[in-house]
PDB file of N, CA and C in Angstrom:
ATOM      1  N   MET A   1      65.621  15.119 -48.016  1.00  0.00           N
ATOM      2  CA  MET A   1      65.326  14.642 -46.467  1.00  0.00           C
ATOM      3  C   MET A   1      64.604  15.594 -45.635  1.00  0.00           C
ATOM      4  N   GLU A   2      64.848  16.815 -46.113  1.00  0.00           N
ATOM      5  CA  GLU A   2      64.103  17.937 -45.405  1.00  0.00           C
ATOM      6  C   GLU A   2      62.664  17.877 -45.767  1.00  0.00           C
ATOM      7  N   ASP A   3      62.283  17.434 -46.949  1.00  0.00           N
ATOM      8  CA  ASP A   3      60.827  17.474 -47.379  1.00  0.00           C
ATOM      9  C   ASP A   3      60.191  16.302 -46.594  1.00  0.00           C
ATOM     10  N   LEU A   4      60.841  15.272 -46.454  1.00  0.00           N
ATOM     11  CA  LEU A   4      60.310  14.136 -45.699  1.00  0.00           C
ATOM     12  C   LEU A   4      60.086  14.470 -44.231  1.00  0.00           C
ATOM     13  N   LYS A   5      60.987  15.115 -43.682  1.00  0.00           N
ATOM     14  CA  LYS A   5      60.871  15.450 -42.371  1.00  0.00           C
ATOM     15  C   LYS A   5      59.689  16.459 -41.958  1.00  0.00           C
ATOM     16  N   SER A   6      59.662  17.420 -43.075  1.00  0.00           N
ATOM     17  CA  SER A   6      58.486  18.451 -43.044  1.00  0.00           C
ATOM     18  C   SER A   6      57.184  17.672 -43.071  1.00  0.00           C
ATOM     19  N   LYS A   7      57.138  16.582 -44.158  1.00  0.00           N
ATOM     20  CA  LYS A   7      55.938  15.896 -44.158  1.00  0.00           C
ATOM     21  C   LYS A   7      55.564  14.975 -43.047  1.00  0.00           C
ATOM     22  N   LEU A   8      56.593  14.587 -42.274  1.00  0.00           N
ATOM     23  CA  LEU A   8      56.379  13.756 -41.010  1.00  0.00           C
ATOM     24  C   LEU A   8      55.956  14.729 -39.949  1.00  0.00           C
ATOM     25  N   ASN A   9      56.493  15.861 -39.879  1.00  0.00           N
ATOM     26  CA  ASN A   9      56.056  16.792 -38.790  1.00  0.00           C
ATOM     27  C   ASN A   9      54.761  17.255 -39.075  1.00  0.00           C
ATOM     28  N   GLU A  10      54.237  17.501 -40.340  1.00  0.00           N
ATOM     29  CA  GLU A  10      52.791  17.900 -40.616  1.00  0.00           C
ATOM     30  C   GLU A  10      51.757  16.701 -40.253  1.00  0.00           C
ATOM     31  N   GLU A  11      52.275  15.555 -40.478  1.00  0.00           N
ATOM     32  CA  GLU A  11      51.408  14.481 -40.206  1.00  0.00           C
ATOM     33  C   GLU A  11      51.373  14.238 -38.649  1.00  0.00           C
ATOM     34  N   LYS A  12      52.326  14.456 -38.083  1.00  0.00           N
ATOM     35  CA  LYS A  12      52.246  14.368 -36.402  1.00  0.00           C
ATOM     36  C   LYS A  12      51.438  15.448 -36.009  1.00  0.00           C
ATOM     37  N   GLU A  13      51.565  16.720 -36.445  1.00  0.00           N
ATOM     38  CA  GLU A  13      50.495  17.787 -35.983  1.00  0.00           C
ATOM     39  C   GLU A  13      49.087  17.351 -36.269  1.00  0.00           C
ATOM     40  N   ARG A  14      48.805  16.801 -37.611  1.00  0.00           N
ATOM     41  CA  ARG A  14      47.491  16.475 -37.912  1.00  0.00           C
ATOM     42  C   ARG A  14      46.920  15.353 -37.047  1.00  0.00           C
ATOM     43  N   ILE A  15      47.598  14.242 -36.707  1.00  0.00           N
ATOM     44  CA  ILE A  15      47.247  13.245 -35.770  1.00  0.00           C
ATOM     45  C   ILE A  15      47.014  13.751 -34.289  1.00  0.00           C
ATOM     46  N   GLU A  16      47.996  14.538 -33.933  1.00  0.00           N
ATOM     47  CA  GLU A  16      47.729  15.005 -32.640  1.00  0.00           C
ATOM     48  C   GLU A  16      46.482  15.802 -32.511  1.00  0.00           C
ATOM     49  N   LYS A  17      46.296  16.796 -33.386  1.00  0.00           N
ATOM     50  CA  LYS A  17      45.146  17.521 -33.559  1.00  0.00           C
ATOM     51  C   LYS A  17      43.762  16.775 -33.412  1.00  0.00           C
ATOM     52  N   GLU A  18      43.884  15.839 -34.258  1.00  0.00           N
ATOM     53  CA  GLU A  18      42.649  14.742 -34.641  1.00  0.00           C
ATOM     54  C   GLU A  18      42.476  14.007 -33.016  1.00  0.00           C
ATOM     55  N   LEU A  19      43.479  13.588 -32.538  1.00  0.00           N
ATOM     56  CA  LEU A  19      43.346  12.893 -31.176  1.00  0.00           C
ATOM     57  C   LEU A  19      42.951  13.954 -30.144  1.00  0.00           C
ATOM     58  N   SER A  20      43.351  15.107 -30.157  1.00  0.00           N
ATOM     59  CA  SER A  20      42.906  16.032 -29.049  1.00  0.00           C
ATOM     60  C   SER A  20      41.354  16.466 -29.141  1.00  0.00           C
ATOM     61  N   GLU A  21      40.716  15.966 -30.310  1.00  0.00           N
ATOM     62  CA  GLU A  21      39.398  16.384 -30.408  1.00  0.00           C
ATOM     63  C   GLU A  21      38.506  15.399 -29.560  1.00  0.00           C
ATOM     64  N   PHE A  22      39.071  14.211 -29.223  1.00  0.00           N
ATOM     65  CA  PHE A  22      38.271  13.352 -28.518  1.00  0.00           C
ATOM     66  C   PHE A  22      39.044  12.476 -27.397  1.00  0.00           C
ATOM     67  N   ALA A  23      40.302  13.003 -27.259  1.00  0.00           N
ATOM     68  CA  ALA A  23      41.174  12.231 -26.282  1.00  0.00           C
ATOM     69  C   ALA A  23      42.120  13.062 -25.641  1.00  0.00           C
ATOM     70  N   THR A  24      42.711  12.731 -24.518  1.00  0.00           N
ATOM     71  CA  THR A  24      43.626  13.555 -23.847  1.00  0.00           C
ATOM     72  C   THR A  24      45.066  12.646 -23.783  1.00  0.00           C
ATOM     73  N   LYS A  25      46.210  13.348 -23.720  1.00  0.00           N
ATOM     74  CA  LYS A  25      47.358  12.690 -23.463  1.00  0.00           C
ATOM     75  C   LYS A  25      47.468  12.079 -22.137  1.00  0.00           C
ATOM     76  N   ASP A  26      47.935  10.928 -22.031  1.00  0.00           N
ATOM     77  CA  ASP A  26      48.249  10.244 -20.789  1.00  0.00           C
ATOM     78  C   ASP A  26      49.575  10.846 -20.118  1.00  0.00           C
ATOM     79  N   PRO A  27      49.542  11.634 -19.154  1.00  0.00           N
ATOM     80  CA  PRO A  27      50.828  12.199 -18.649  1.00  0.00           C
ATOM     81  C   PRO A  27      51.748  11.169 -17.982  1.00  0.00           C
ATOM     82  N   LYS A  28      51.223  10.065 -17.758  1.00  0.00           N
ATOM     83  CA  LYS A  28      51.970   8.779 -17.078  1.00  0.00           C
ATOM     84  C   LYS A  28      52.761   8.006 -18.168  1.00  0.00           C
ATOM     85  N   VAL A  29      52.163   7.897 -19.342  1.00  0.00           N
ATOM     86  CA  VAL A  29      52.570   6.868 -20.333  1.00  0.00           C
ATOM     87  C   VAL A  29      52.991   7.696 -21.589  1.00  0.00           C
ATOM     88  N   LYS A  30      54.133   7.592 -22.069  1.00  0.00           N
ATOM     89  CA  LYS A  30      54.620   8.208 -23.250  1.00  0.00           C
ATOM     90  C   LYS A  30      53.912   7.636 -24.517  1.00  0.00           C
ATOM     91  N   GLY A  31      53.342   8.544 -25.234  1.00  0.00           N
ATOM     92  CA  GLY A  31      52.608   8.153 -26.509  1.00  0.00           C
ATOM     93  C   GLY A  31      51.273   7.652 -26.383  1.00  0.00           C
ATOM     94  N   ASP A  32      50.849   7.774 -25.041  1.00  0.00           N
ATOM     95  CA  ASP A  32      49.391   7.206 -24.964  1.00  0.00           C
ATOM     96  C   ASP A  32      48.478   8.122 -24.796  1.00  0.00           C
ATOM     97  N   TRP A  33      47.263   7.996 -25.420  1.00  0.00           N
ATOM     98  CA  TRP A  33      46.111   8.977 -25.344  1.00  0.00           C
ATOM     99  C   TRP A  33      45.002   8.197 -24.783  1.00  0.00           C
ATOM    100  N   ASP A  34      44.045   8.863 -24.193  1.00  0.00           N
ATOM    101  CA  ASP A  34      42.871   8.264 -23.483  1.00  0.00           C
ATOM    102  C   ASP A  34      41.675   8.996 -24.142  1.00  0.00           C
ATOM    103  N   ALA A  35      40.753   8.088 -24.601  1.00  0.00           N
ATOM    104  CA  ALA A  35      39.581   8.739 -25.080  1.00  0.00           C
ATOM    105  C   ALA A  35      38.626   9.132 -24.056  1.00  0.00           C
ATOM    106  N   LYS A  36      38.007  10.318 -24.218  1.00  0.00           N
ATOM    107  CA  LYS A  36      37.193  10.823 -23.351  1.00  0.00           C
ATOM    108  C   LYS A  36      35.822  10.099 -23.485  1.00  0.00           C
ATOM    109  N   PHE A  37      35.121   9.927 -22.110  1.00  0.00           N
ATOM    110  CA  PHE A  37      33.759   9.288 -22.288  1.00  0.00           C
ATOM    111  C   PHE A  37      32.787  10.369 -22.836  1.00  0.00           C
ATOM    112  N   PRO A  38      32.154  10.225 -23.748  1.00  0.00           N
ATOM    113  CA  PRO A  38      31.177  11.319 -24.112  1.00  0.00           C
ATOM    114  C   PRO A  38      29.953  11.434 -23.001  1.00  0.00           C
ATOM    115  N   SER A  39      29.400  12.600 -22.910  1.00  0.00           N
ATOM    116  CA  SER A  39      28.262  12.792 -22.051  1.00  0.00           C
ATOM    117  C   SER A  39      27.225  13.408 -22.877  1.00  0.00           C
ATOM    118  N   TYR A  40      26.036  13.068 -22.861  1.00  0.00           N
ATOM    119  CA  TYR A  40      24.963  13.553 -23.627  1.00  0.00           C
ATOM    120  C   TYR A  40      23.878  14.065 -22.553  1.00  0.00           C
ATOM    121  N   GLY A  41      24.371  14.263 -21.428  1.00  0.00           N
ATOM    122  CA  GLY A  41      23.459  14.886 -20.371  1.00  0.00           C
ATOM    123  C   GLY A  41      23.479  13.922 -19.047  1.00  0.00           C
ATOM    124  N   ASP A  42      22.747  14.369 -18.143  1.00  0.00           N
ATOM    125  CA  ASP A  42      22.753  13.872 -16.826  1.00  0.00           C
ATOM    126  C   ASP A  42      21.472  12.942 -16.652  1.00  0.00           C
ATOM    127  N   HIS A  43      20.822  12.515 -17.642  1.00  0.00           N
ATOM    128  CA  HIS A  43      19.475  11.893 -17.504  1.00  0.00           C
ATOM    129  C   HIS A  43      19.794  10.524 -17.529  1.00  0.00           C
ATOM    130  N   ARG A  44      20.077   9.860 -16.189  1.00  0.00           N
ATOM    131  CA  ARG A  44      20.255   8.560 -16.061  1.00  0.00           C
ATOM    132  C   ARG A  44      19.288   7.695 -16.532  1.00  0.00           C
ATOM    133  N   SER A  45      18.120   8.007 -16.628  1.00  0.00           N
ATOM    134  CA  SER A  45      16.992   7.341 -16.991  1.00  0.00           C
ATOM    135  C   SER A  45      16.848   7.058 -18.512  1.00  0.00           C
ATOM    136  N   GLU A  46      17.515   7.969 -19.123  1.00  0.00           N
ATOM    137  CA  GLU A  46      17.596   7.913 -20.643  1.00  0.00           C
ATOM    138  C   GLU A  46      18.493   6.846 -21.179  1.00  0.00           C
ATOM    139  N   GLN A  47      17.948   5.447 -21.258  1.00  0.00           N
ATOM    140  CA  GLN A  47      18.791   4.419 -21.687  1.00  0.00           C
ATOM    141  C   GLN A  47      19.269   4.692 -23.189  1.00  0.00           C
ATOM    142  N   ASP A  48      18.622   5.287 -23.972  1.00  0.00           N
ATOM    143  CA  ASP A  48      19.037   5.485 -25.312  1.00  0.00           C
ATOM    144  C   ASP A  48      20.224   6.399 -25.146  1.00  0.00           C
ATOM    145  N   GLU A  49      20.364   7.535 -24.521  1.00  0.00           N
ATOM    146  CA  GLU A  49      21.501   8.235 -24.380  1.00  0.00           C
ATOM    147  C   GLU A  49      22.665   7.439 -23.889  1.00  0.00           C
ATOM    148  N   ASN A  50      22.366   6.689 -22.842  1.00  0.00           N
ATOM    149  CA  ASN A  50      23.546   5.992 -22.358  1.00  0.00           C
ATOM    150  C   ASN A  50      24.169   5.126 -23.190  1.00  0.00           C
ATOM    151  N   ALA A  51      23.254   4.359 -23.899  1.00  0.00           N
ATOM    152  CA  ALA A  51      23.628   3.398 -25.020  1.00  0.00           C
ATOM    153  C   ALA A  51      24.545   4.202 -26.049  1.00  0.00           C
ATOM    154  N   ASP A  52      24.026   5.367 -26.410  1.00  0.00           N
ATOM    155  CA  ASP A  52      24.824   6.160 -27.522  1.00  0.00           C
ATOM    156  C   ASP A  52      26.253   6.732 -26.992  1.00  0.00           C
ATOM    157  N   GLU A  53      26.273   6.921 -25.552  1.00  0.00           N
ATOM    158  CA  GLU A  53      27.561   7.078 -25.158  1.00  0.00           C
ATOM    159  C   GLU A  53      28.478   6.143 -25.188  1.00  0.00           C
ATOM    160  N   VAL A  54      28.139   4.936 -24.778  1.00  0.00           N
ATOM    161  CA  VAL A  54      28.952   3.750 -24.793  1.00  0.00           C
ATOM    162  C   VAL A  54      29.358   3.561 -26.272  1.00  0.00           C
ATOM    163  N   GLU A  55      28.401   3.482 -27.237  1.00  0.00           N
ATOM    164  CA  GLU A  55      28.817   3.315 -28.633  1.00  0.00           C
ATOM    165  C   GLU A  55      29.755   4.235 -29.216  1.00  0.00           C
ATOM    166  N   GLU A  56      29.501   5.443 -28.843  1.00  0.00           N
ATOM    167  CA  GLU A  56      30.562   6.479 -29.298  1.00  0.00           C
ATOM    168  C   GLU A  56      31.909   6.326 -28.666  1.00  0.00           C
ATOM    169  N   PHE A  57      31.869   5.876 -27.439  1.00  0.00           N
ATOM    170  CA  PHE A  57      33.239   5.747 -26.717  1.00  0.00           C
ATOM    171  C   PHE A  57      33.913   4.616 -27.276  1.00  0.00           C
ATOM    172  N   GLU A  58      33.348   3.520 -27.590  1.00  0.00           N
ATOM    173  CA  GLU A  58      33.740   2.385 -28.266  1.00  0.00           C
ATOM    174  C   GLU A  58      34.368   2.758 -29.672  1.00  0.00           C
ATOM    175  N   ALA A  59      33.826   3.405 -30.368  1.00  0.00           N
ATOM    176  CA  ALA A  59      34.295   3.967 -31.651  1.00  0.00           C
ATOM    177  C   ALA A  59      35.519   4.778 -31.478  1.00  0.00           C
ATOM    178  N   ASP A  60      35.313   5.677 -30.591  1.00  0.00           N
ATOM    179  CA  ASP A  60      36.499   6.663 -30.319  1.00  0.00           C
ATOM    180  C   ASP A  60      37.819   5.736 -29.930  1.00  0.00           C
ATOM    181  N   VAL A  61      37.578   4.778 -28.983  1.00  0.00           N
ATOM    182  CA  VAL A  61      38.764   3.936 -28.578  1.00  0.00           C
ATOM    183  C   VAL A  61      39.261   3.177 -29.586  1.00  0.00           C
ATOM    184  N   ALA A  62      38.575   2.663 -30.491  1.00  0.00           N
ATOM    185  CA  ALA A  62      39.234   2.090 -31.772  1.00  0.00           C
ATOM    186  C   ALA A  62      40.063   3.060 -32.619  1.00  0.00           C
ATOM    187  N   ILE A  63      39.427   4.172 -32.781  1.00  0.00           N
ATOM    188  CA  ILE A  63      40.138   5.367 -33.640  1.00  0.00           C
ATOM    189  C   ILE A  63      41.296   5.702 -32.952  1.00  0.00           C
ATOM    190  N   GLU A  64      41.154   5.960 -31.636  1.00  0.00           N
ATOM    191  CA  GLU A  64      42.345   6.382 -30.809  1.00  0.00           C
ATOM    192  C   GLU A  64      43.589   5.251 -30.887  1.00  0.00           C
ATOM    193  N   HIS A  65      43.310   4.112 -30.898  1.00  0.00           N
ATOM    194  CA  HIS A  65      44.323   3.125 -31.002  1.00  0.00           C
ATOM    195  C   HIS A  65      44.987   3.204 -32.435  1.00  0.00           C
ATOM    196  N   THR A  66      44.187   3.322 -33.467  1.00  0.00           N
ATOM    197  CA  THR A  66      44.637   3.406 -34.803  1.00  0.00           C
ATOM    198  C   THR A  66      45.598   4.662 -34.880  1.00  0.00           C
ATOM    199  N   LEU A  67      45.082   5.818 -34.389  1.00  0.00           N
ATOM    200  CA  LEU A  67      45.976   7.085 -34.535  1.00  0.00           C
ATOM    201  C   LEU A  67      47.130   6.878 -33.659  1.00  0.00           C
ATOM    202  N   GLU A  68      47.012   6.289 -32.496  1.00  0.00           N
ATOM    203  CA  GLU A  68      48.396   6.178 -31.749  1.00  0.00           C
ATOM    204  C   GLU A  68      49.393   5.515 -32.343  1.00  0.00           C
ATOM    205  N   LEU A  69      49.040   4.336 -33.133  1.00  0.00           N
ATOM    206  CA  LEU A  69      49.856   3.423 -33.816  1.00  0.00           C
ATOM    207  C   LEU A  69      50.462   4.212 -34.922  1.00  0.00           C
ATOM    208  N   ARG A  70      49.729   4.929 -35.601  1.00  0.00           N
ATOM    209  CA  ARG A  70      50.203   5.834 -36.691  1.00  0.00           C
ATOM    210  C   ARG A  70      51.199   6.889 -36.228  1.00  0.00           C
ATOM    211  N   LEU A  71      50.848   7.548 -35.046  1.00  0.00           N
ATOM    212  CA  LEU A  71      51.692   8.564 -34.488  1.00  0.00           C
ATOM    213  C   LEU A  71      52.911   7.921 -34.087  1.00  0.00           C
ATOM    214  N   LYS A  72      52.875   6.847 -33.436  1.00  0.00           N
ATOM    215  CA  LYS A  72      54.165   6.203 -33.165  1.00  0.00           C
ATOM    216  C   LYS A  72      55.162   5.930 -34.255  1.00  0.00           C
ATOM    217  N   ASP A  73      54.521   5.502 -35.281  1.00  0.00           N
ATOM    218  CA  ASP A  73      55.332   5.240 -36.486  1.00  0.00           C
ATOM    219  C   ASP A  73      55.981   6.491 -37.063  1.00  0.00           C
ATOM    220  N   VAL A  74      55.343   7.696 -37.147  1.00  0.00           N
ATOM    221  CA  VAL A  74      55.701   9.039 -37.521  1.00  0.00           C
ATOM    222  C   VAL A  74      57.029   9.465 -36.562  1.00  0.00           C
ATOM    223  N   ASN A  75      56.731   9.384 -35.216  1.00  0.00           N
ATOM    224  CA  ASN A  75      57.581   9.623 -34.112  1.00  0.00           C
ATOM    225  C   ASN A  75      58.849   8.878 -34.291  1.00  0.00           C
ATOM    226  N   ASP A  76      58.747   7.482 -34.583  1.00  0.00           N
ATOM    227  CA  ASP A  76      59.864   6.552 -34.685  1.00  0.00           C
ATOM    228  C   ASP A  76      60.709   7.166 -35.966  1.00  0.00           C
ATOM    229  N   ALA A  77      60.063   7.371 -36.968  1.00  0.00           N
ATOM    230  CA  ALA A  77      60.769   7.911 -38.269  1.00  0.00           C
ATOM    231  C   ALA A  77      61.496   9.170 -37.980  1.00  0.00           C
ATOM    232  N   LEU A  78      61.009  10.078 -37.208  1.00  0.00           N
ATOM    233  CA  LEU A  78      61.469  11.321 -36.869  1.00  0.00           C
ATOM    234  C   LEU A  78      62.846  10.990 -35.945  1.00  0.00           C
ATOM    235  N   GLU A  79      62.680  10.060 -35.099  1.00  0.00           N
ATOM    236  CA  GLU A  79      63.722   9.750 -34.247  1.00  0.00           C
ATOM    237  C   GLU A  79      64.833   9.306 -34.983  1.00  0.00           C
ATOM    238  N   LYS A  80      64.457   8.433 -35.911  1.00  0.00           N
ATOM    239  CA  LYS A  80      65.638   7.725 -36.718  1.00  0.00           C
ATOM    240  C   LYS A  80      66.375   8.819 -37.632  1.00  0.00           C
ATOM    241  N   MET A  81      65.618   9.770 -38.128  1.00  0.00           N
ATOM    242  CA  MET A  81      66.233  10.983 -38.850  1.00  0.00           C
ATOM    243  C   MET A  81      67.243  11.573 -37.860  1.00  0.00           C
ATOM    244  N   GLU A  82      66.983  11.745 -36.674  1.00  0.00           N
ATOM    245  CA  GLU A  82      67.869  12.415 -35.687  1.00  0.00           C
ATOM    246  C   GLU A  82      69.026  11.720 -35.439  1.00  0.00           C
ATOM    247  N   LYS A  83      68.871  10.318 -35.434  1.00  0.00           N
ATOM    248  CA  LYS A  83      69.927   9.397 -35.112  1.00  0.00           C
ATOM    249  C   LYS A  83      70.728   9.112 -36.217  1.00  0.00           C
ATOM    250  N   GLY A  84      70.342   9.471 -37.550  1.00  0.00           N
ATOM    251  CA  GLY A  84      70.933   9.115 -38.789  1.00  0.00           C
ATOM    252  C   GLY A  84      70.875   7.884 -39.306  1.00  0.00           C
ATOM    253  N   ASN A  85      69.757   7.096 -38.997  1.00  0.00           N
ATOM    254  CA  ASN A  85      69.529   5.820 -39.453  1.00  0.00           C
ATOM    255  C   ASN A  85      68.191   5.635 -40.196  1.00  0.00           C
ATOM    256  N   TYR A  86      67.717   6.703 -40.599  1.00  0.00           N
ATOM    257  CA  TYR A  86      66.482   6.862 -41.357  1.00  0.00           C
ATOM    258  C   TYR A  86      66.536   6.309 -42.728  1.00  0.00           C
ATOM    259  N   GLY A  87      65.595   5.412 -43.153  1.00  0.00           N
ATOM    260  CA  GLY A  87      65.589   4.935 -44.491  1.00  0.00           C
ATOM    261  C   GLY A  87      66.353   3.658 -44.567  1.00  0.00           C
ATOM    262  N   LYS A  88      66.478   3.101 -43.499  1.00  0.00           N
ATOM    263  CA  LYS A  88      67.111   1.768 -43.489  1.00  0.00           C
ATOM    264  C   LYS A  88      66.103   0.832 -43.069  1.00  0.00           C
ATOM    265  N   CYS A  89      65.953  -0.316 -43.767  1.00  0.00           N
ATOM    266  CA  CYS A  89      65.066  -1.483 -43.497  1.00  0.00           C
ATOM    267  C   CYS A  89      65.021  -2.105 -42.108  1.00  0.00           C
ATOM    268  N   GLU A  90      64.223  -2.188 -41.289  1.00  0.00           N
ATOM    269  CA  GLU A  90      64.269  -3.048 -40.014  1.00  0.00           C
ATOM    270  C   GLU A  90      64.399  -4.377 -40.022  1.00  0.00           C
ATOM    271  N   GLU A  91      64.250  -4.969 -41.326  1.00  0.00           N
ATOM    272  CA  GLU A  91      64.146  -6.446 -41.437  1.00  0.00           C
ATOM    273  C   GLU A  91      65.617  -6.768 -41.858  1.00  0.00           C
ATOM    274  N   CYS A  92      65.958  -6.248 -42.972  1.00  0.00           N
ATOM    275  CA  CYS A  92      67.403  -6.827 -43.667  1.00  0.00           C
ATOM    276  C   CYS A  92      68.421  -5.706 -43.488  1.00  0.00           C
ATOM    277  N   GLY A  93      68.176  -4.369 -43.196  1.00  0.00           N
ATOM    278  CA  GLY A  93      69.127  -3.526 -42.987  1.00  0.00           C
ATOM    279  C   GLY A  93      69.557  -2.764 -44.182  1.00  0.00           C
ATOM    280  N   GLY A  94      68.921  -3.085 -45.326  1.00  0.00           N
ATOM    281  CA  GLY A  94      69.327  -2.499 -46.573  1.00  0.00           C
ATOM    282  C   GLY A  94      68.520  -1.258 -46.715  1.00  0.00           C
ATOM    283  N   ASP A  95      68.776  -0.392 -47.599  1.00  0.00           N
ATOM    284  CA  ASP A  95      68.228   0.897 -47.979  1.00  0.00           C
ATOM    285  C   ASP A  95      66.792   0.704 -48.354  1.00  0.00           C
ATOM    286  N   ILE A  96      65.833   1.596 -47.849  1.00  0.00           N
ATOM    287  CA  ILE A  96      64.541   1.708 -48.331  1.00  0.00           C
ATOM    288  C   ILE A  96      64.441   2.611 -49.629  1.00  0.00           C
ATOM    289  N   ASN A  97      63.721   2.171 -50.627  1.00  0.00           N
ATOM    290  CA  ASN A  97      63.738   2.942 -51.854  1.00  0.00           C
ATOM    291  C   ASN A  97      63.158   4.290 -51.637  1.00  0.00           C
ATOM    292  N   PRO A  98      63.768   5.492 -52.084  1.00  0.00           N
ATOM    293  CA  PRO A  98      63.266   6.804 -51.908  1.00  0.00           C
ATOM    294  C   PRO A  98      61.851   7.001 -52.224  1.00  0.00           C
ATOM    295  N   GLU A  99      61.451   6.438 -53.437  1.00  0.00           N
ATOM    296  CA  GLU A  99      60.059   6.512 -53.841  1.00  0.00           C
ATOM    297  C   GLU A  99      59.058   5.968 -52.639  1.00  0.00           C
ATOM    298  N   ARG A 100      59.522   4.858 -52.243  1.00  0.00           N
ATOM    299  CA  ARG A 100      58.769   4.373 -51.122  1.00  0.00           C
ATOM    300  C   ARG A 100      58.527   5.256 -49.901  1.00  0.00           C
ATOM    301  N   LEU A 101      59.638   5.879 -49.459  1.00  0.00           N
ATOM    302  CA  LEU A 101      59.591   6.884 -48.557  1.00  0.00           C
ATOM    303  C   LEU A 101      58.931   8.047 -48.887  1.00  0.00           C
ATOM    304  N   LYS A 102      58.940   8.589 -50.104  1.00  0.00           N
ATOM    305  CA  LYS A 102      58.117   9.752 -50.496  1.00  0.00           C
ATOM    306  C   LYS A 102      56.514   9.263 -50.392  1.00  0.00           C
ATOM    307  N   ALA A 103      56.250   8.042 -50.745  1.00  0.00           N
ATOM    308  CA  ALA A 103      54.841   7.640 -50.556  1.00  0.00           C
ATOM    309  C   ALA A 103      54.368   7.515 -49.098  1.00  0.00           C
ATOM    310  N   ASN A 104      55.369   6.911 -48.458  1.00  0.00           N
ATOM    311  CA  ASN A 104      55.134   6.504 -46.916  1.00  0.00           C
ATOM    312  C   ASN A 104      56.299   6.898 -46.194  1.00  0.00           C
ATOM    313  N   PRO A 105      56.424   8.047 -45.660  1.00  0.00           N
ATOM    314  CA  PRO A 105      57.781   8.524 -44.974  1.00  0.00           C
ATOM    315  C   PRO A 105      58.060   7.775 -43.827  1.00  0.00           C
ATOM    316  N   GLU A 106      57.147   7.137 -43.125  1.00  0.00           N
ATOM    317  CA  GLU A 106      57.235   6.424 -41.918  1.00  0.00           C
ATOM    318  C   GLU A 106      57.403   4.865 -42.247  1.00  0.00           C
ATOM    319  N   ALA A 107      57.719   4.499 -43.320  1.00  0.00           N
ATOM    320  CA  ALA A 107      58.043   3.027 -43.861  1.00  0.00           C
ATOM    321  C   ALA A 107      59.021   2.557 -42.906  1.00  0.00           C
ATOM    322  N   ARG A 108      58.925   1.294 -42.516  1.00  0.00           N
ATOM    323  CA  ARG A 108      59.929   0.655 -41.669  1.00  0.00           C
ATOM    324  C   ARG A 108      60.806  -0.468 -42.375  1.00  0.00           C
ATOM    325  N   THR A 109      60.177  -0.767 -43.543  1.00  0.00           N
ATOM    326  CA  THR A 109      60.832  -1.967 -44.336  1.00  0.00           C
ATOM    327  C   THR A 109      60.965  -1.622 -45.754  1.00  0.00           C
ATOM    328  N   CYS A 110      61.977  -2.245 -46.430  1.00  0.00           N
ATOM    329  CA  CYS A 110      61.966  -2.196 -47.945  1.00  0.00           C
ATOM    330  C   CYS A 110      60.803  -2.957 -48.460  1.00  0.00           C
ATOM    331  N   MET A 111      60.730  -2.858 -49.774  1.00  0.00           N
ATOM    332  CA  MET A 111      59.442  -3.521 -50.461  1.00  0.00           C
ATOM    333  C   MET A 111      59.734  -5.024 -50.422  1.00  0.00           C
ATOM    334  N   ASN A 112      61.009  -5.569 -50.454  1.00  0.00           N
ATOM    335  CA  ASN A 112      61.132  -6.991 -50.507  1.00  0.00           C
ATOM    336  C   ASN A 112      60.834  -7.592 -49.076  1.00  0.00           C
ATOM    337  N   CYS A 113      61.010  -6.816 -47.959  1.00  0.00           N
ATOM    338  CA  CYS A 113      60.767  -7.447 -46.703  1.00  0.00           C
ATOM    339  C   CYS A 113      59.400  -7.084 -46.290  1.00  0.00           C
ATOM    340  N   ALA A 114      58.497  -6.294 -46.823  1.00  0.00           N
ATOM    341  CA  ALA A 114      57.196  -5.811 -46.759  1.00  0.00           C
ATOM    342  C   ALA A 114      56.233  -6.890 -47.223  1.00  0.00           C
ATOM    343  N   LYS A 115      56.720  -7.776 -47.983  1.00  0.00           N
ATOM    344  CA  LYS A 115      55.832  -8.819 -48.630  1.00  0.00           C
ATOM    345  C   LYS A 115      55.469  -9.904 -47.663  1.00  0.00           C
TER     346      LYS A 115
END
């Protein structure tokens, strides 16, 4: 269990570090991050730069969303550990195979329910 907790905490730190490179935590909404709008300069007449900024922002928002979902799963798994119900399938209530948890510590369902 300690190995899984350590793995989850490492993953949490990695995700938060990656998010902090292009986003900031929203202090008003728990677990929400906001992508920063990139700025390539103040040349308003440079349409190419403006288009590049928008394109990068759109990509960052998509990555932010994916990382937020992953971070939520990691945080949920850590919370389950604290409450003592980690490793239980959210669908059937049965035990999640320890090998599945080793491969994916934030797994929410057993293999039967994951299908």
